[in-house]
Full PDB file with SEQRES, HELIX, SHEET, SSBOND, CRYST1, ORIGX, SCALE, CONECT and MASTER records, all heavy atoms in Angstrom:
SEQRES   1 A   33  GLY GLU LEU LEU GLY TYR SER ASP SER VAL ARG GLY ARG          
SEQRES   2 A   33  PHE SER VAL SER ARG ALA ASN ALA LYS ASN THR VAL ASP          
SEQRES   3 A   33  LEU GLN LEU ASN ASP LEU ARG                                  
SHEET    1 AA1 2 PHE A  14  ARG A  18  0                                        
SHEET    2 AA1 2 VAL A  25  LEU A  29 -1                                        
CRYST1    1.000    1.000    1.000  90.00  90.00  90.00 P 1           1          
ORIGX1      1.000000  0.000000  0.000000        0.00000                         
ORIGX2      0.000000  1.000000  0.000000        0.00000                         
ORIGX3      0.000000  0.000000  1.000000        0.00000                         
SCALE1      1.000000  0.000000  0.000000        0.00000                         
SCALE2      0.000000  1.000000  0.000000        0.00000                         
SCALE3      0.000000  0.000000  1.000000        0.00000                         
ATOM      1  N   GLY A   1       0.805  -1.225  -0.027  1.00  0.00           N  
ATOM      2  CA  GLY A   1       0.028  -0.037   0.015  1.00  0.00           C  
ATOM      3  C   GLY A   1       0.858   1.233  -0.011  1.00  0.00           C  
ATOM      4  O   GLY A   1       0.259   2.355  -0.100  1.00  0.00           O  
ATOM      5  N   GLU A   2       2.150   1.129   0.155  1.00  0.00           N  
ATOM      6  CA  GLU A   2       3.020   2.288   0.101  1.00  0.00           C  
ATOM      7  C   GLU A   2       2.951   2.972  -1.246  1.00  0.00           C  
ATOM      8  O   GLU A   2       3.189   2.311  -2.338  1.00  0.00           O  
ATOM      9  CB  GLU A   2       4.453   1.920   0.358  1.00  0.00           C  
ATOM     10  CG  GLU A   2       5.392   3.065   0.355  1.00  0.00           C  
ATOM     11  CD  GLU A   2       6.861   2.644   0.571  1.00  0.00           C  
ATOM     12  OE1 GLU A   2       7.087   1.413   0.651  1.00  0.00           O  
ATOM     13  OE2 GLU A   2       7.735   3.563   0.572  1.00  0.00           O  
ATOM     14  N   LEU A   3       2.624   4.260  -1.272  1.00  0.00           N  
ATOM     15  CA  LEU A   3       2.460   4.976  -2.488  1.00  0.00           C  
ATOM     16  C   LEU A   3       3.777   5.506  -2.962  1.00  0.00           C  
ATOM     17  O   LEU A   3       4.599   6.081  -2.149  1.00  0.00           O  
ATOM     18  CB  LEU A   3       1.523   6.124  -2.244  1.00  0.00           C  
ATOM     19  CG  LEU A   3       1.207   7.075  -3.450  1.00  0.00           C  
ATOM     20  CD1 LEU A   3       0.427   6.311  -4.550  1.00  0.00           C  
ATOM     21  CD2 LEU A   3       0.473   8.348  -3.027  1.00  0.00           C  
ATOM     22  N   LEU A   4       4.125   5.292  -4.265  1.00  0.00           N  
ATOM     23  CA  LEU A   4       5.375   5.734  -4.795  1.00  0.00           C  
ATOM     24  C   LEU A   4       5.246   6.970  -5.696  1.00  0.00           C  
ATOM     25  O   LEU A   4       6.182   7.670  -5.875  1.00  0.00           O  
ATOM     26  CB  LEU A   4       6.042   4.562  -5.613  1.00  0.00           C  
ATOM     27  CG  LEU A   4       6.373   3.345  -4.819  1.00  0.00           C  
ATOM     28  CD1 LEU A   4       6.928   2.224  -5.756  1.00  0.00           C  
ATOM     29  CD2 LEU A   4       7.317   3.652  -3.711  1.00  0.00           C  
ATOM     30  N   GLY A   5       4.019   7.201  -6.221  1.00  0.00           N  
ATOM     31  CA  GLY A   5       3.832   8.356  -7.068  1.00  0.00           C  
ATOM     32  C   GLY A   5       2.494   8.407  -7.704  1.00  0.00           C  
ATOM     33  O   GLY A   5       1.806   7.443  -7.827  1.00  0.00           O  
ATOM     34  N   TYR A   6       2.061   9.661  -8.043  1.00  0.00           N  
ATOM     35  CA  TYR A   6       0.819   9.920  -8.690  1.00  0.00           C  
ATOM     36  C   TYR A   6       1.056  10.570 -10.082  1.00  0.00           C  
ATOM     37  O   TYR A   6       2.090  11.260 -10.222  1.00  0.00           O  
ATOM     38  CB  TYR A   6      -0.009  10.951  -7.924  1.00  0.00           C  
ATOM     39  CG  TYR A   6      -0.724  10.532  -6.716  1.00  0.00           C  
ATOM     40  CD1 TYR A   6      -0.264  10.917  -5.457  1.00  0.00           C  
ATOM     41  CD2 TYR A   6      -1.903   9.818  -6.798  1.00  0.00           C  
ATOM     42  CE1 TYR A   6      -1.044  10.559  -4.272  1.00  0.00           C  
ATOM     43  CE2 TYR A   6      -2.659   9.442  -5.674  1.00  0.00           C  
ATOM     44  CZ  TYR A   6      -2.148   9.822  -4.467  1.00  0.00           C  
ATOM     45  OH  TYR A   6      -2.946   9.479  -3.329  1.00  0.00           O  
ATOM     46  N   SER A   7       0.181  10.433 -10.979  1.00  0.00           N  
ATOM     47  CA  SER A   7       0.223  11.251 -12.136  1.00  0.00           C  
ATOM     48  C   SER A   7      -0.359  12.625 -11.711  1.00  0.00           C  
ATOM     49  O   SER A   7      -1.165  12.699 -10.722  1.00  0.00           O  
ATOM     50  CB  SER A   7      -0.626  10.697 -13.294  1.00  0.00           C  
ATOM     51  OG  SER A   7      -2.027  10.715 -12.943  1.00  0.00           O  
ATOM     52  N   ASP A   8       0.040  13.732 -12.332  1.00  0.00           N  
ATOM     53  CA  ASP A   8      -0.391  15.049 -11.928  1.00  0.00           C  
ATOM     54  C   ASP A   8      -1.926  15.212 -11.999  1.00  0.00           C  
ATOM     55  O   ASP A   8      -2.533  15.938 -11.231  1.00  0.00           O  
ATOM     56  CB  ASP A   8       0.293  16.114 -12.767  1.00  0.00           C  
ATOM     57  CG  ASP A   8       1.776  16.309 -12.480  1.00  0.00           C  
ATOM     58  OD1 ASP A   8       2.220  15.886 -11.388  1.00  0.00           O  
ATOM     59  OD2 ASP A   8       2.493  16.823 -13.362  1.00  0.00           O  
ATOM     60  N   SER A   9      -2.565  14.497 -12.943  1.00  0.00           N  
ATOM     61  CA  SER A   9      -3.952  14.713 -13.142  1.00  0.00           C  
ATOM     62  C   SER A   9      -4.806  14.183 -12.045  1.00  0.00           C  
ATOM     63  O   SER A   9      -5.993  14.591 -11.911  1.00  0.00           O  
ATOM     64  CB  SER A   9      -4.370  14.066 -14.447  1.00  0.00           C  
ATOM     65  OG  SER A   9      -4.200  12.698 -14.427  1.00  0.00           O  
ATOM     66  N   VAL A  10      -4.274  13.253 -11.182  1.00  0.00           N  
ATOM     67  CA  VAL A  10      -5.108  12.664 -10.140  1.00  0.00           C  
ATOM     68  C   VAL A  10      -4.565  12.925  -8.725  1.00  0.00           C  
ATOM     69  O   VAL A  10      -5.104  12.564  -7.810  1.00  0.00           O  
ATOM     70  CB  VAL A  10      -5.165  11.093 -10.297  1.00  0.00           C  
ATOM     71  CG1 VAL A  10      -5.731  10.738 -11.709  1.00  0.00           C  
ATOM     72  CG2 VAL A  10      -3.847  10.476 -10.084  1.00  0.00           C  
ATOM     73  N   ARG A  11      -3.485  13.689  -8.669  1.00  0.00           N  
ATOM     74  CA  ARG A  11      -2.807  14.061  -7.413  1.00  0.00           C  
ATOM     75  C   ARG A  11      -3.896  14.680  -6.470  1.00  0.00           C  
ATOM     76  O   ARG A  11      -4.555  15.598  -6.817  1.00  0.00           O  
ATOM     77  CB  ARG A  11      -1.653  14.981  -7.580  1.00  0.00           C  
ATOM     78  CG  ARG A  11      -0.864  15.187  -6.339  1.00  0.00           C  
ATOM     79  CD  ARG A  11       0.331  16.144  -6.574  1.00  0.00           C  
ATOM     80  NE  ARG A  11       1.230  15.617  -7.585  1.00  0.00           N  
ATOM     81  CZ  ARG A  11       2.180  14.754  -7.392  1.00  0.00           C  
ATOM     82  NH1 ARG A  11       2.462  14.262  -6.220  1.00  0.00           N  
ATOM     83  NH2 ARG A  11       2.894  14.326  -8.448  1.00  0.00           N  
ATOM     84  N   GLY A  12      -3.965  14.200  -5.239  1.00  0.00           N  
ATOM     85  CA  GLY A  12      -4.860  14.660  -4.279  1.00  0.00           C  
ATOM     86  C   GLY A  12      -6.329  14.146  -4.317  1.00  0.00           C  
ATOM     87  O   GLY A  12      -7.132  14.467  -3.487  1.00  0.00           O  
ATOM     88  N   ARG A  13      -6.592  13.364  -5.381  1.00  0.00           N  
ATOM     89  CA  ARG A  13      -7.938  12.823  -5.568  1.00  0.00           C  
ATOM     90  C   ARG A  13      -8.033  11.310  -5.485  1.00  0.00           C  
ATOM     91  O   ARG A  13      -9.064  10.767  -5.089  1.00  0.00           O  
ATOM     92  CB  ARG A  13      -8.527  13.298  -6.919  1.00  0.00           C  
ATOM     93  CG  ARG A  13      -8.657  14.728  -7.012  1.00  0.00           C  
ATOM     94  CD  ARG A  13      -9.371  15.118  -8.319  1.00  0.00           C  
ATOM     95  NE  ARG A  13      -8.705  14.715  -9.576  1.00  0.00           N  
ATOM     96  CZ  ARG A  13      -9.184  13.876 -10.433  1.00  0.00           C  
ATOM     97  NH1 ARG A  13     -10.338  13.307 -10.273  1.00  0.00           N  
ATOM     98  NH2 ARG A  13      -8.432  13.569 -11.521  1.00  0.00           N  
ATOM     99  N   PHE A  14      -6.938  10.634  -5.797  1.00  0.00           N  
ATOM    100  CA  PHE A  14      -6.892   9.163  -5.855  1.00  0.00           C  
ATOM    101  C   PHE A  14      -5.962   8.686  -4.752  1.00  0.00           C  
ATOM    102  O   PHE A  14      -4.976   9.325  -4.445  1.00  0.00           O  
ATOM    103  CB  PHE A  14      -6.396   8.643  -7.220  1.00  0.00           C  
ATOM    104  CG  PHE A  14      -7.248   8.790  -8.395  1.00  0.00           C  
ATOM    105  CD1 PHE A  14      -8.449   9.618  -8.280  1.00  0.00           C  
ATOM    106  CD2 PHE A  14      -7.019   8.238  -9.577  1.00  0.00           C  
ATOM    107  CE1 PHE A  14      -9.283   9.794  -9.351  1.00  0.00           C  
ATOM    108  CE2 PHE A  14      -7.825   8.427 -10.682  1.00  0.00           C  
ATOM    109  CZ  PHE A  14      -8.974   9.170 -10.581  1.00  0.00           C  
ATOM    110  N   SER A  15      -6.261   7.535  -4.152  1.00  0.00           N  
ATOM    111  CA  SER A  15      -5.429   6.955  -3.182  1.00  0.00           C  
ATOM    112  C   SER A  15      -5.445   5.421  -3.207  1.00  0.00           C  
ATOM    113  O   SER A  15      -6.463   4.865  -3.731  1.00  0.00           O  
ATOM    114  CB  SER A  15      -5.822   7.443  -1.740  1.00  0.00           C  
ATOM    115  OG  SER A  15      -7.098   7.031  -1.503  1.00  0.00           O  
ATOM    116  N   VAL A  16      -4.465   4.770  -2.728  1.00  0.00           N  
ATOM    117  CA  VAL A  16      -4.338   3.287  -2.722  1.00  0.00           C  
ATOM    118  C   VAL A  16      -4.340   2.830  -1.274  1.00  0.00           C  
ATOM    119  O   VAL A  16      -3.818   3.419  -0.379  1.00  0.00           O  
ATOM    120  CB  VAL A  16      -3.021   2.854  -3.391  1.00  0.00           C  
ATOM    121  CG1 VAL A  16      -2.824   1.359  -3.249  1.00  0.00           C  
ATOM    122  CG2 VAL A  16      -2.991   3.269  -4.835  1.00  0.00           C  
ATOM    123  N   SER A  17      -5.011   1.716  -1.071  1.00  0.00           N  
ATOM    124  CA  SER A  17      -5.099   1.108   0.284  1.00  0.00           C  
ATOM    125  C   SER A  17      -5.261  -0.375   0.156  1.00  0.00           C  
ATOM    126  O   SER A  17      -5.766  -0.883  -0.861  1.00  0.00           O  
ATOM    127  CB  SER A  17      -6.257   1.757   1.124  1.00  0.00           C  
ATOM    128  OG  SER A  17      -7.444   1.421   0.494  1.00  0.00           O  
ATOM    129  N   ARG A  18      -4.901  -1.139   1.244  1.00  0.00           N  
ATOM    130  CA  ARG A  18      -5.147  -2.544   1.308  1.00  0.00           C  
ATOM    131  C   ARG A  18      -6.613  -2.786   1.608  1.00  0.00           C  
ATOM    132  O   ARG A  18      -7.186  -2.142   2.497  1.00  0.00           O  
ATOM    133  CB  ARG A  18      -4.272  -3.215   2.409  1.00  0.00           C  
ATOM    134  CG  ARG A  18      -2.788  -3.177   1.999  1.00  0.00           C  
ATOM    135  CD  ARG A  18      -2.395  -3.990   0.746  1.00  0.00           C  
ATOM    136  NE  ARG A  18      -2.876  -5.357   0.876  1.00  0.00           N  
ATOM    137  CZ  ARG A  18      -2.175  -6.410   1.419  1.00  0.00           C  
ATOM    138  NH1 ARG A  18      -0.913  -6.142   1.822  1.00  0.00           N  
ATOM    139  NH2 ARG A  18      -2.636  -7.585   1.455  1.00  0.00           N  
ATOM    140  N   ALA A  19      -7.222  -3.696   0.947  1.00  0.00           N  
ATOM    141  CA  ALA A  19      -8.578  -4.027   1.147  1.00  0.00           C  
ATOM    142  C   ALA A  19      -8.742  -5.119   2.148  1.00  0.00           C  
ATOM    143  O   ALA A  19      -7.732  -5.788   2.500  1.00  0.00           O  
ATOM    144  CB  ALA A  19      -9.283  -4.447  -0.180  1.00  0.00           C  
ATOM    145  N   ASN A  20      -9.942  -5.341   2.641  1.00  0.00           N  
ATOM    146  CA  ASN A  20     -10.170  -6.434   3.585  1.00  0.00           C  
ATOM    147  C   ASN A  20     -10.037  -7.757   2.915  1.00  0.00           C  
ATOM    148  O   ASN A  20      -9.585  -8.724   3.637  1.00  0.00           O  
ATOM    149  CB  ASN A  20     -11.607  -6.308   4.128  1.00  0.00           C  
ATOM    150  CG  ASN A  20     -11.761  -5.068   5.046  1.00  0.00           C  
ATOM    151  OD1 ASN A  20     -10.794  -4.635   5.696  1.00  0.00           O  
ATOM    152  ND2 ASN A  20     -12.970  -4.573   5.101  1.00  0.00           N  
ATOM    153  N   ALA A  21     -10.368  -7.936   1.637  1.00  0.00           N  
ATOM    154  CA  ALA A  21     -10.148  -9.225   0.982  1.00  0.00           C  
ATOM    155  C   ALA A  21      -8.719  -9.549   0.834  1.00  0.00           C  
ATOM    156  O   ALA A  21      -7.887  -8.698   0.677  1.00  0.00           O  
ATOM    157  CB  ALA A  21     -10.884  -9.181  -0.331  1.00  0.00           C  
ATOM    158  N   LYS A  22      -8.436 -10.824   0.936  1.00  0.00           N  
ATOM    159  CA  LYS A  22      -7.061 -11.333   0.894  1.00  0.00           C  
ATOM    160  C   LYS A  22      -6.475 -11.090  -0.533  1.00  0.00           C  
ATOM    161  O   LYS A  22      -7.121 -11.189  -1.542  1.00  0.00           O  
ATOM    162  CB  LYS A  22      -7.041 -12.835   1.136  1.00  0.00           C  
ATOM    163  CG  LYS A  22      -5.658 -13.471   1.185  1.00  0.00           C  
ATOM    164  CD  LYS A  22      -5.708 -14.908   1.478  1.00  0.00           C  
ATOM    165  CE  LYS A  22      -4.344 -15.536   1.549  1.00  0.00           C  
ATOM    166  NZ  LYS A  22      -4.406 -16.954   1.855  1.00  0.00           N  
ATOM    167  N   ASN A  23      -5.257 -10.636  -0.559  1.00  0.00           N  
ATOM    168  CA  ASN A  23      -4.491 -10.343  -1.776  1.00  0.00           C  
ATOM    169  C   ASN A  23      -5.175  -9.308  -2.678  1.00  0.00           C  
ATOM    170  O   ASN A  23      -5.200  -9.448  -3.868  1.00  0.00           O  
ATOM    171  CB  ASN A  23      -4.227 -11.634  -2.576  1.00  0.00           C  
ATOM    172  CG  ASN A  23      -3.395 -12.630  -1.825  1.00  0.00           C  
ATOM    173  OD1 ASN A  23      -2.480 -12.289  -1.082  1.00  0.00           O  
ATOM    174  ND2 ASN A  23      -3.727 -13.951  -1.947  1.00  0.00           N  
ATOM    175  N   THR A  24      -5.714  -8.296  -2.044  1.00  0.00           N  
ATOM    176  CA  THR A  24      -6.468  -7.281  -2.857  1.00  0.00           C  
ATOM    177  C   THR A  24      -6.007  -5.934  -2.318  1.00  0.00           C  
ATOM    178  O   THR A  24      -5.893  -5.647  -1.087  1.00  0.00           O  
ATOM    179  CB  THR A  24      -8.011  -7.480  -2.581  1.00  0.00           C  
ATOM    180  OG1 THR A  24      -8.402  -8.715  -3.080  1.00  0.00           O  
ATOM    181  CG2 THR A  24      -8.768  -6.398  -3.438  1.00  0.00           C  
ATOM    182  N   VAL A  25      -5.887  -5.013  -3.297  1.00  0.00           N  
ATOM    183  CA  VAL A  25      -5.661  -3.606  -2.974  1.00  0.00           C  
ATOM    184  C   VAL A  25      -6.743  -2.772  -3.677  1.00  0.00           C  
ATOM    185  O   VAL A  25      -7.258  -3.179  -4.776  1.00  0.00           O  
ATOM    186  CB  VAL A  25      -4.273  -3.116  -3.386  1.00  0.00           C  
ATOM    187  CG1 VAL A  25      -3.215  -3.791  -2.585  1.00  0.00           C  
ATOM    188  CG2 VAL A  25      -4.025  -3.268  -4.852  1.00  0.00           C  
ATOM    189  N   ASP A  26      -7.074  -1.623  -3.140  1.00  0.00           N  
ATOM    190  CA  ASP A  26      -8.099  -0.758  -3.676  1.00  0.00           C  
ATOM    191  C   ASP A  26      -7.503   0.594  -4.162  1.00  0.00           C  
ATOM    192  O   ASP A  26      -6.539   1.080  -3.612  1.00  0.00           O  
ATOM    193  CB  ASP A  26      -9.151  -0.438  -2.637  1.00  0.00           C  
ATOM    194  CG  ASP A  26     -10.029  -1.589  -2.271  1.00  0.00           C  
ATOM    195  OD1 ASP A  26     -10.077  -2.603  -3.023  1.00  0.00           O  
ATOM    196  OD2 ASP A  26     -10.704  -1.498  -1.256  1.00  0.00           O  
ATOM    197  N   LEU A  27      -8.113   1.091  -5.208  1.00  0.00           N  
ATOM    198  CA  LEU A  27      -7.815   2.420  -5.724  1.00  0.00           C  
ATOM    199  C   LEU A  27      -9.102   3.203  -5.416  1.00  0.00           C  
ATOM    200  O   LEU A  27     -10.154   3.022  -6.099  1.00  0.00           O  
ATOM    201  CB  LEU A  27      -7.447   2.412  -7.155  1.00  0.00           C  
ATOM    202  CG  LEU A  27      -7.156   3.807  -7.829  1.00  0.00           C  
ATOM    203  CD1 LEU A  27      -5.907   4.429  -7.186  1.00  0.00           C  
ATOM    204  CD2 LEU A  27      -7.010   3.711  -9.290  1.00  0.00           C  
ATOM    205  N   GLN A  28      -9.007   4.222  -4.584  1.00  0.00           N  
ATOM    206  CA  GLN A  28     -10.131   5.119  -4.293  1.00  0.00           C  
ATOM    207  C   GLN A  28     -10.076   6.279  -5.223  1.00  0.00           C  
ATOM    208  O   GLN A  28      -9.040   7.024  -5.180  1.00  0.00           O  
ATOM    209  CB  GLN A  28     -10.122   5.564  -2.825  1.00  0.00           C  
ATOM    210  CG  GLN A  28     -11.211   6.520  -2.448  1.00  0.00           C  
ATOM    211  CD  GLN A  28     -12.570   5.815  -2.427  1.00  0.00           C  
ATOM    212  OE1 GLN A  28     -12.688   4.683  -2.034  1.00  0.00           O  
ATOM    213  NE2 GLN A  28     -13.604   6.607  -2.871  1.00  0.00           N  
ATOM    214  N   LEU A  29     -11.072   6.536  -6.011  1.00  0.00           N  
ATOM    215  CA  LEU A  29     -11.179   7.612  -6.957  1.00  0.00           C  
ATOM    216  C   LEU A  29     -12.231   8.591  -6.425  1.00  0.00           C  
ATOM    217  O   LEU A  29     -13.384   8.311  -6.388  1.00  0.00           O  
ATOM    218  CB  LEU A  29     -11.560   7.061  -8.343  1.00  0.00           C  
ATOM    219  CG  LEU A  29     -10.630   6.265  -9.157  1.00  0.00           C  
ATOM    220  CD1 LEU A  29     -10.418   4.841  -8.596  1.00  0.00           C  
ATOM    221  CD2 LEU A  29     -11.214   6.028 -10.611  1.00  0.00           C  
ATOM    222  N   ASN A  30     -11.773   9.768  -6.062  1.00  0.00           N  
ATOM    223  CA  ASN A  30     -12.671  10.816  -5.551  1.00  0.00           C  
ATOM    224  C   ASN A  30     -12.721  12.016  -6.528  1.00  0.00           C  
ATOM    225  O   ASN A  30     -11.784  12.215  -7.345  1.00  0.00           O  
ATOM    226  CB  ASN A  30     -12.200  11.288  -4.192  1.00  0.00           C  
ATOM    227  CG  ASN A  30     -12.232  10.269  -3.144  1.00  0.00           C  
ATOM    228  OD1 ASN A  30     -13.157   9.403  -3.099  1.00  0.00           O  
ATOM    229  ND2 ASN A  30     -11.295  10.309  -2.217  1.00  0.00           N  
ATOM    230  N   ASP A  31     -13.732  12.764  -6.447  1.00  0.00           N  
ATOM    231  CA  ASP A  31     -13.980  13.998  -7.232  1.00  0.00           C  
ATOM    232  C   ASP A  31     -13.697  13.720  -8.752  1.00  0.00           C  
ATOM    233  O   ASP A  31     -12.928  14.361  -9.322  1.00  0.00           O  
ATOM    234  CB  ASP A  31     -13.078  15.068  -6.690  1.00  0.00           C  
ATOM    235  CG  ASP A  31     -13.377  16.455  -7.253  1.00  0.00           C  
ATOM    236  OD1 ASP A  31     -14.546  16.655  -7.688  1.00  0.00           O  
ATOM    237  OD2 ASP A  31     -12.518  17.296  -7.282  1.00  0.00           O  
ATOM    238  N   LEU A  32     -14.430  12.746  -9.232  1.00  0.00           N  
ATOM    239  CA  LEU A  32     -14.129  12.309 -10.611  1.00  0.00           C  
ATOM    240  C   LEU A  32     -14.549  13.356 -11.617  1.00  0.00           C  
ATOM    241  O   LEU A  32     -15.519  14.126 -11.490  1.00  0.00           O  
ATOM    242  CB  LEU A  32     -14.860  11.005 -10.877  1.00  0.00           C  
ATOM    243  CG  LEU A  32     -14.294   9.773 -10.265  1.00  0.00           C  
ATOM    244  CD1 LEU A  32     -15.275   8.574 -10.145  1.00  0.00           C  
ATOM    245  CD2 LEU A  32     -12.986   9.360 -10.997  1.00  0.00           C  
ATOM    246  N   ARG A  33     -13.718  13.399 -12.650  1.00  0.00           N  
ATOM    247  CA  ARG A  33     -13.941  14.383 -13.747  1.00  0.00           C  
ATOM    248  C   ARG A  33     -14.106  13.593 -15.035  1.00  0.00           C  
ATOM    249  O   ARG A  33     -13.698  12.449 -15.145  1.00  0.00           O  
ATOM    250  CB  ARG A  33     -12.682  15.268 -13.824  1.00  0.00           C  
ATOM    251  CG  ARG A  33     -12.204  15.969 -12.542  1.00  0.00           C  
ATOM    252  CD  ARG A  33     -10.904  16.593 -12.655  1.00  0.00           C  
ATOM    253  NE  ARG A  33     -10.501  17.231 -11.415  1.00  0.00           N  
ATOM    254  CZ  ARG A  33      -9.273  17.664 -11.214  1.00  0.00           C  
ATOM    255  NH1 ARG A  33      -8.318  17.581 -12.123  1.00  0.00           N  
ATOM    256  NH2 ARG A  33      -8.976  18.304 -10.066  1.00  0.00           N  
TER     257      ARG A  33                                                      
MASTER        0    0    0    0    2    0    0    6  256    1    0    3          
END                                                                             
């Protein structure tokens, strides 16, 4: 879940986290354009 970088277009709006499900990570997309 350690973030290494964002593209400029999504900086501050998208984030990565570990999900509850095994072997799964989530990408949270906020304020979609």
